[in-house]
Amino acid sequence: MTENKLISVCIPSYNRPEYISDLMESIVSQDYNDFEIVVSEDNSPKKNEIETVINNYSKNYPNIPIHFFSNEETLGYDGNFRKLIEISRGKYCVYMGDDDLLCPGALSRIGTVIKTYKDVGVIIRSWARVDRETKEVIEHFKYFDGDRFFPPSLNTIVSLFRRSVSIAGYTVNRELAKKFSTSKFDGTLLYQLYLSGMILRNSPAYYIS
């Protein structure tokens, strides 16, 4: 591993090499440099193809720390989510599904929030469905009218629990996520929902509109 970055872009990957290249392209083209990319491939039939894609990006972008890990046994969604928290080195983990795309300027925007609100535990954001071929936005999902800071409270948990479902851009303080690490709910609850519930009892959140 290289020197620690502010952000680890964490990608839990399984069997979709045809999509992950588009995701990687949207990440390496960001106007931001305080980040690493960490891919955890979950022992899928196409793991060699996925590794080839990631290795090509690592060779073509030597200034960006890009790390590929392949699980010896399939951990499942929750286990692989947790694995990324363990193996990444950034202060915050920004999760992206392997078929997602990162909007231009997204990491810069997230980085600004982190530096402005140094104790923020969770960051969520608006998101959109796009046409994969044209990249045109089909539908935009906004949870609130504008950016919003949420102090730690039960009301914050209620407000953000279900809004933490979408993995794309879900951002969490890595040390806090490690503190609450558990396999107790694997297979019964999306792991990011559990993390939001636990972390937001005592840490604030931020919404990027």
Foldseek 3Di string as FASTA:
>chain_A
DDDEFQEEAEEEDEDCLVQLLQAVVLVVPAPDARYAYEYEYFPYPCVVSNVVSQVVVCVVCVSHHYYYHYDPHGPPQQRSVLVRLVPHRHQKYFYDYSNDHDDHNLVVVVVVVCVVQVQAFKEAEKDFDADPVVRHTDGTGDLDPFKDKFAQDPVQLVSCLVVQPDRHGIMGRSVLCVVPDDCVCPPPDRNSSVSSNVPSNHHMYIYHD
